[in-house]
Amino acid sequence: MTQRRSLSYLLAGLLGIVLAVLLFTPLRFAALSWVGIPVSIRSVQQMPFVFSVPVRVSGVVGDRAPLVDALLYELQDNTGSIWVLSPDSTVQSGERRIVQGRLMFESIVIDGDEQGAVYLLASE
């Protein structure tokens, strides 16, 4: 009986650790993306700078900037906005989209100050 109880405590402890990691680290974005649940744009922008983490966000397309073989567009939800680099050039302003991709960072240094931006590299 004591071995069974010890095993139960061990499993409960491991489950607690796994849940804590998923809730309080950037891995939660990967887990939510894996099950198809979008997260707010604000939460993506406020996460610690761990890039190439898969994320899924939802919002309305704002400004667009066509590029060669790609499209850069702003995706907005009620918490903020993020730029998305996508191979899909058919995206239109005003369109509601769910986008899955990897969080990236583009460094831009102006007069020694970092002015870079976080963006989403869409995997569409």
N, C-alpha and C. Protein backbone atom coordinates (compact mmCIF):
# COMPACT_ATOMS: atom_id res chain seq x y z
N MET A 1 0.82 -1.20 0.00
CA MET A 1 0.00 0.00 0.00
C MET A 1 0.86 1.26 0.00
N THR A 2 1.98 1.24 0.72
CA THR A 2 2.84 2.41 0.80
C THR A 2 3.51 2.69 -0.54
N GLN A 3 3.90 1.61 -1.26
CA GLN A 3 4.51 1.80 -2.58
C GLN A 3 3.52 2.43 -3.55
N ARG A 4 2.28 1.98 -3.50
CA ARG A 4 1.25 2.52 -4.39
C ARG A 4 1.00 3.99 -4.08
N ARG A 5 0.97 4.33 -2.80
CA ARG A 5 0.76 5.72 -2.40
C ARG A 5 1.95 6.58 -2.83
N SER A 6 3.17 6.08 -2.68
CA SER A 6 4.37 6.81 -3.10
C SER A 6 4.35 7.05 -4.61
N LEU A 7 3.93 6.05 -5.37
CA LEU A 7 3.84 6.19 -6.82
C LEU A 7 2.79 7.24 -7.19
N SER A 8 1.67 7.24 -6.48
CA SER A 8 0.63 8.24 -6.73
C SER A 8 1.14 9.65 -6.46
N TYR A 9 1.87 9.83 -5.38
CA TYR A 9 2.44 11.14 -5.06
C TYR A 9 3.46 11.56 -6.11
N LEU A 10 4.27 10.61 -6.57
CA LEU A 10 5.27 10.89 -7.58
C LEU A 10 4.60 11.33 -8.89
N LEU A 11 3.59 10.59 -9.31
CA LEU A 11 2.87 10.94 -10.54
C LEU A 11 2.16 12.28 -10.42
N ALA A 12 1.57 12.56 -9.28
CA ALA A 12 0.90 13.85 -9.06
C ALA A 12 1.93 14.99 -9.10
N GLY A 13 3.09 14.76 -8.51
CA GLY A 13 4.14 15.77 -8.54
C GLY A 13 4.64 16.03 -9.95
N LEU A 14 4.84 14.97 -10.71
CA LEU A 14 5.28 15.12 -12.10
C LEU A 14 4.23 15.84 -12.94
N LEU A 15 2.97 15.51 -12.74
CA LEU A 15 1.90 16.18 -13.45
C LEU A 15 1.88 17.67 -13.10
N GLY A 16 2.08 17.99 -11.84
CA GLY A 16 2.14 19.39 -11.41
C GLY A 16 3.28 20.15 -12.06
N ILE A 17 4.44 19.50 -12.18
CA ILE A 17 5.59 20.14 -12.82
C ILE A 17 5.31 20.38 -14.30
N VAL A 18 4.75 19.38 -14.98
CA VAL A 18 4.42 19.51 -16.39
C VAL A 18 3.41 20.65 -16.60
N LEU A 19 2.38 20.71 -15.77
CA LEU A 19 1.39 21.78 -15.89
C LEU A 19 2.01 23.16 -15.63
N ALA A 20 2.90 23.24 -14.66
CA ALA A 20 3.56 24.52 -14.37
C ALA A 20 4.42 24.97 -15.55
N VAL A 21 5.14 24.03 -16.15
CA VAL A 21 5.97 24.36 -17.31
C VAL A 21 5.08 24.85 -18.45
N LEU A 22 3.97 24.17 -18.68
CA LEU A 22 3.08 24.55 -19.78
C LEU A 22 2.37 25.88 -19.53
N LEU A 23 2.09 26.20 -18.28
CA LEU A 23 1.36 27.42 -17.97
C LEU A 23 2.26 28.65 -17.85
N PHE A 24 3.48 28.46 -17.39
CA PHE A 24 4.32 29.61 -17.03
C PHE A 24 5.59 29.75 -17.85
N THR A 25 5.68 29.09 -18.98
CA THR A 25 6.84 29.25 -19.86
C THR A 25 6.35 29.41 -21.29
N PRO A 26 7.23 29.81 -22.19
CA PRO A 26 6.83 29.93 -23.60
C PRO A 26 6.35 28.61 -24.22
N LEU A 27 6.63 27.49 -23.58
CA LEU A 27 6.16 26.21 -24.11
C LEU A 27 4.64 26.14 -24.15
N ARG A 28 3.97 26.99 -23.37
CA ARG A 28 2.51 26.97 -23.39
C ARG A 28 1.98 27.37 -24.77
N PHE A 29 2.71 28.26 -25.46
CA PHE A 29 2.30 28.66 -26.80
C PHE A 29 2.37 27.49 -27.76
N ALA A 30 3.44 26.71 -27.64
CA ALA A 30 3.58 25.53 -28.50
C ALA A 30 2.49 24.51 -28.20
N ALA A 31 2.19 24.31 -26.92
CA ALA A 31 1.15 23.34 -26.54
C ALA A 31 -0.22 23.80 -27.04
N LEU A 32 -0.55 25.06 -26.86
CA LEU A 32 -1.84 25.57 -27.32
C LEU A 32 -1.93 25.54 -28.85
N SER A 33 -0.82 25.85 -29.51
CA SER A 33 -0.79 25.80 -30.97
C SER A 33 -1.01 24.37 -31.46
N TRP A 34 -0.40 23.43 -30.77
CA TRP A 34 -0.51 22.02 -31.15
C TRP A 34 -1.96 21.53 -31.08
N VAL A 35 -2.73 22.01 -30.10
CA VAL A 35 -4.13 21.61 -29.99
C VAL A 35 -5.06 22.56 -30.74
N GLY A 36 -4.51 23.58 -31.41
CA GLY A 36 -5.32 24.45 -32.26
C GLY A 36 -5.98 25.63 -31.59
N ILE A 37 -5.46 26.05 -30.44
CA ILE A 37 -6.06 27.17 -29.71
C ILE A 37 -5.23 28.43 -29.92
N PRO A 38 -5.81 29.49 -30.52
CA PRO A 38 -5.06 30.74 -30.69
C PRO A 38 -4.85 31.45 -29.35
N VAL A 39 -3.77 32.20 -29.26
CA VAL A 39 -3.49 33.00 -28.07
C VAL A 39 -3.56 34.48 -28.46
N SER A 40 -3.65 35.35 -27.48
CA SER A 40 -3.74 36.78 -27.79
C SER A 40 -2.39 37.29 -28.31
N ILE A 41 -2.46 38.28 -29.14
CA ILE A 41 -1.23 38.88 -29.69
C ILE A 41 -0.42 39.52 -28.58
N ARG A 42 -1.06 40.15 -27.63
CA ARG A 42 -0.34 40.76 -26.50
C ARG A 42 0.47 39.72 -25.74
N SER A 43 -0.12 38.55 -25.48
CA SER A 43 0.62 37.53 -24.73
C SER A 43 1.84 37.04 -25.51
N VAL A 44 1.73 36.98 -26.83
CA VAL A 44 2.87 36.58 -27.66
C VAL A 44 3.96 37.63 -27.59
N GLN A 45 3.59 38.90 -27.66
CA GLN A 45 4.59 39.97 -27.63
C GLN A 45 5.23 40.15 -26.25
N GLN A 46 4.55 39.74 -25.20
CA GLN A 46 5.08 39.91 -23.85
C GLN A 46 5.88 38.72 -23.37
N MET A 47 5.89 37.66 -24.15
CA MET A 47 6.63 36.47 -23.70
C MET A 47 8.13 36.76 -23.71
N PRO A 48 8.87 36.01 -22.90
CA PRO A 48 10.33 36.19 -22.93
C PRO A 48 10.85 35.91 -24.34
N PHE A 49 11.97 36.48 -24.68
CA PHE A 49 12.48 36.35 -26.04
C PHE A 49 13.03 34.95 -26.30
N VAL A 50 12.12 34.02 -26.51
CA VAL A 50 12.46 32.67 -26.94
C VAL A 50 11.83 32.54 -28.32
N PHE A 51 12.66 32.53 -29.34
CA PHE A 51 12.12 32.58 -30.68
C PHE A 51 12.06 31.20 -31.30
N SER A 52 11.39 31.13 -32.41
CA SER A 52 11.11 29.90 -33.14
C SER A 52 10.15 29.00 -32.36
N VAL A 53 9.42 29.58 -31.43
CA VAL A 53 8.38 28.84 -30.72
C VAL A 53 7.13 28.87 -31.58
N PRO A 54 6.50 27.71 -31.84
CA PRO A 54 5.27 27.74 -32.63
C PRO A 54 4.14 28.42 -31.85
N VAL A 55 3.43 29.31 -32.53
CA VAL A 55 2.29 30.00 -31.93
C VAL A 55 1.15 30.05 -32.94
N ARG A 56 -0.05 30.25 -32.43
CA ARG A 56 -1.24 30.43 -33.26
C ARG A 56 -1.97 31.65 -32.74
N VAL A 57 -2.23 32.63 -33.64
CA VAL A 57 -2.94 33.83 -33.27
C VAL A 57 -4.11 34.03 -34.23
N SER A 58 -5.05 34.84 -33.79
CA SER A 58 -6.25 35.11 -34.59
C SER A 58 -6.49 36.61 -34.60
N GLY A 59 -6.94 37.13 -35.73
CA GLY A 59 -7.22 38.54 -35.80
C GLY A 59 -7.69 38.97 -37.17
N VAL A 60 -7.72 40.29 -37.36
CA VAL A 60 -8.16 40.88 -38.62
C VAL A 60 -6.94 41.48 -39.30
N VAL A 61 -6.84 41.27 -40.61
CA VAL A 61 -5.72 41.78 -41.39
C VAL A 61 -5.86 43.30 -41.54
N GLY A 62 -4.77 44.00 -41.25
CA GLY A 62 -4.74 45.45 -41.42
C GLY A 62 -3.92 45.81 -42.64
N ASP A 63 -2.88 46.59 -42.42
CA ASP A 63 -2.01 47.02 -43.52
C ASP A 63 -1.30 45.82 -44.15
N ARG A 64 -0.98 45.97 -45.44
CA ARG A 64 -0.28 44.93 -46.19
C ARG A 64 0.90 45.55 -46.91
N ALA A 65 1.98 44.76 -47.08
CA ALA A 65 3.15 45.20 -47.85
C ALA A 65 3.60 44.02 -48.70
N PRO A 66 3.28 44.04 -50.00
CA PRO A 66 3.70 42.94 -50.86
C PRO A 66 5.22 42.90 -51.01
N LEU A 67 5.76 41.69 -51.01
CA LEU A 67 7.19 41.46 -51.22
C LEU A 67 7.34 40.48 -52.39
N VAL A 68 8.54 40.26 -52.84
CA VAL A 68 8.77 39.26 -53.88
C VAL A 68 8.52 37.88 -53.27
N ASP A 69 7.57 37.14 -53.83
CA ASP A 69 7.23 35.78 -53.38
C ASP A 69 6.71 35.69 -51.94
N ALA A 70 6.22 36.79 -51.37
CA ALA A 70 5.69 36.76 -50.00
C ALA A 70 4.83 38.01 -49.77
N LEU A 71 4.19 38.02 -48.61
CA LEU A 71 3.39 39.16 -48.20
C LEU A 71 3.64 39.43 -46.73
N LEU A 72 3.85 40.68 -46.39
CA LEU A 72 3.98 41.11 -45.01
C LEU A 72 2.69 41.84 -44.67
N TYR A 73 1.98 41.36 -43.64
CA TYR A 73 0.74 42.03 -43.26
C TYR A 73 0.61 42.12 -41.75
N GLU A 74 -0.15 43.12 -41.32
CA GLU A 74 -0.39 43.35 -39.90
C GLU A 74 -1.65 42.59 -39.49
N LEU A 75 -1.54 41.82 -38.43
CA LEU A 75 -2.69 41.11 -37.88
C LEU A 75 -3.04 41.74 -36.54
N GLN A 76 -4.32 42.12 -36.37
CA GLN A 76 -4.75 42.84 -35.17
C GLN A 76 -5.84 42.06 -34.46
N ASP A 77 -5.73 41.97 -33.13
CA ASP A 77 -6.84 41.50 -32.31
C ASP A 77 -7.15 42.59 -31.29
N ASN A 78 -8.00 42.32 -30.33
CA ASN A 78 -8.36 43.37 -29.37
C ASN A 78 -7.27 43.66 -28.34
N THR A 79 -6.13 42.94 -28.43
CA THR A 79 -5.04 43.17 -27.47
C THR A 79 -3.83 43.82 -28.10
N GLY A 80 -3.76 43.86 -29.43
CA GLY A 80 -2.59 44.44 -30.09
C GLY A 80 -2.48 44.01 -31.53
N SER A 81 -1.27 44.18 -32.08
CA SER A 81 -1.05 43.79 -33.47
C SER A 81 0.35 43.22 -33.61
N ILE A 82 0.52 42.41 -34.65
CA ILE A 82 1.82 41.80 -34.96
C ILE A 82 1.91 41.68 -36.47
N TRP A 83 3.13 41.83 -36.99
CA TRP A 83 3.35 41.66 -38.42
C TRP A 83 3.57 40.19 -38.72
N VAL A 84 3.02 39.75 -39.84
CA VAL A 84 3.10 38.35 -40.27
C VAL A 84 3.78 38.32 -41.63
N LEU A 85 4.79 37.48 -41.76
CA LEU A 85 5.44 37.25 -43.05
C LEU A 85 4.90 35.93 -43.58
N SER A 86 4.21 35.99 -44.72
CA SER A 86 3.49 34.83 -45.23
C SER A 86 3.80 34.58 -46.71
N PRO A 87 3.86 33.32 -47.11
CA PRO A 87 3.99 33.02 -48.53
C PRO A 87 2.68 33.21 -49.29
N ASP A 88 1.57 33.36 -48.56
CA ASP A 88 0.25 33.51 -49.17
C ASP A 88 0.01 34.97 -49.54
N SER A 89 0.08 35.28 -50.82
CA SER A 89 -0.07 36.66 -51.27
C SER A 89 -1.53 37.04 -51.53
N THR A 90 -2.46 36.13 -51.23
CA THR A 90 -3.88 36.42 -51.48
C THR A 90 -4.60 37.02 -50.28
N VAL A 91 -3.89 37.21 -49.18
CA VAL A 91 -4.48 37.77 -47.96
C VAL A 91 -4.94 39.20 -48.23
N GLN A 92 -6.17 39.54 -47.79
CA GLN A 92 -6.74 40.86 -48.04
C GLN A 92 -6.98 41.61 -46.73
N SER A 93 -6.86 42.93 -46.77
CA SER A 93 -7.17 43.77 -45.61
C SER A 93 -8.63 43.57 -45.21
N GLY A 94 -8.88 43.54 -43.90
CA GLY A 94 -10.24 43.35 -43.38
C GLY A 94 -10.63 41.89 -43.21
N GLU A 95 -9.82 41.00 -43.71
CA GLU A 95 -10.10 39.56 -43.61
C GLU A 95 -9.74 39.04 -42.22
N ARG A 96 -10.61 38.19 -41.66
CA ARG A 96 -10.32 37.56 -40.37
C ARG A 96 -9.52 36.29 -40.64
N ARG A 97 -8.40 36.12 -39.90
CA ARG A 97 -7.52 34.98 -40.13
C ARG A 97 -7.04 34.36 -38.83
N ILE A 98 -6.81 33.07 -38.88
CA ILE A 98 -6.08 32.37 -37.82
C ILE A 98 -4.76 31.97 -38.46
N VAL A 99 -3.67 32.38 -37.83
CA VAL A 99 -2.34 32.16 -38.40
C VAL A 99 -1.50 31.35 -37.44
N GLN A 100 -0.88 30.32 -37.98
CA GLN A 100 0.07 29.54 -37.20
C GLN A 100 1.45 29.75 -37.80
N GLY A 101 2.43 29.91 -36.93
CA GLY A 101 3.79 30.11 -37.41
C GLY A 101 4.78 30.11 -36.27
N ARG A 102 5.95 30.63 -36.56
CA ARG A 102 7.01 30.69 -35.57
C ARG A 102 7.35 32.15 -35.27
N LEU A 103 7.51 32.44 -34.00
CA LEU A 103 7.84 33.79 -33.56
C LEU A 103 9.30 34.07 -33.89
N MET A 104 9.53 35.22 -34.54
CA MET A 104 10.88 35.60 -34.97
C MET A 104 11.16 37.03 -34.50
N PHE A 105 12.42 37.44 -34.61
CA PHE A 105 12.82 38.79 -34.23
C PHE A 105 13.76 39.34 -35.28
N GLU A 106 13.48 40.54 -35.75
CA GLU A 106 14.35 41.22 -36.72
C GLU A 106 15.03 42.38 -36.00
N SER A 107 16.33 42.29 -35.88
CA SER A 107 17.10 43.33 -35.19
C SER A 107 17.35 44.50 -36.12
N ILE A 108 17.04 45.70 -35.63
CA ILE A 108 17.31 46.94 -36.36
C ILE A 108 17.97 47.88 -35.35
N VAL A 109 19.22 48.20 -35.59
CA VAL A 109 19.95 49.08 -34.67
C VAL A 109 20.07 50.46 -35.31
N ILE A 110 19.56 51.47 -34.60
CA ILE A 110 19.62 52.86 -35.08
C ILE A 110 20.36 53.68 -34.03
N ASP A 111 21.49 54.26 -34.43
CA ASP A 111 22.33 55.04 -33.51
C ASP A 111 22.65 54.28 -32.23
N GLY A 112 22.91 52.98 -32.36
CA GLY A 112 23.28 52.16 -31.22
C GLY A 112 22.11 51.66 -30.38
N ASP A 113 20.89 52.06 -30.72
CA ASP A 113 19.71 51.62 -29.97
C ASP A 113 18.99 50.52 -30.74
N GLU A 114 18.60 49.47 -30.05
CA GLU A 114 17.85 48.37 -30.65
C GLU A 114 16.42 48.81 -30.90
N GLN A 115 16.01 48.80 -32.16
CA GLN A 115 14.65 49.17 -32.54
C GLN A 115 13.95 48.01 -33.23
N GLY A 116 14.44 46.80 -32.99
CA GLY A 116 13.93 45.62 -33.68
C GLY A 116 12.48 45.31 -33.35
N ALA A 117 11.94 44.34 -34.07
CA ALA A 117 10.53 44.00 -33.89
C ALA A 117 10.33 42.48 -33.94
N VAL A 118 9.35 42.05 -33.17
CA VAL A 118 8.92 40.66 -33.18
C VAL A 118 7.91 40.50 -34.31
N TYR A 119 8.00 39.42 -35.06
CA TYR A 119 7.03 39.14 -36.10
C TYR A 119 6.76 37.64 -36.15
N LEU A 120 5.75 37.27 -36.90
CA LEU A 120 5.37 35.86 -37.02
C LEU A 120 5.69 35.38 -38.42
N LEU A 121 6.45 34.32 -38.53
CA LEU A 121 6.76 33.69 -39.81
C LEU A 121 5.71 32.61 -40.02
N ALA A 122 4.74 32.90 -40.87
CA ALA A 122 3.59 32.00 -41.05
C ALA A 122 4.01 30.70 -41.72
N SER A 123 3.38 29.63 -41.31
CA SER A 123 3.67 28.32 -41.90
C SER A 123 2.50 27.87 -42.77
N GLU A 124 1.85 28.81 -43.42
CA GLU A 124 0.68 28.53 -44.26
C GLU A 124 1.09 27.85 -45.54
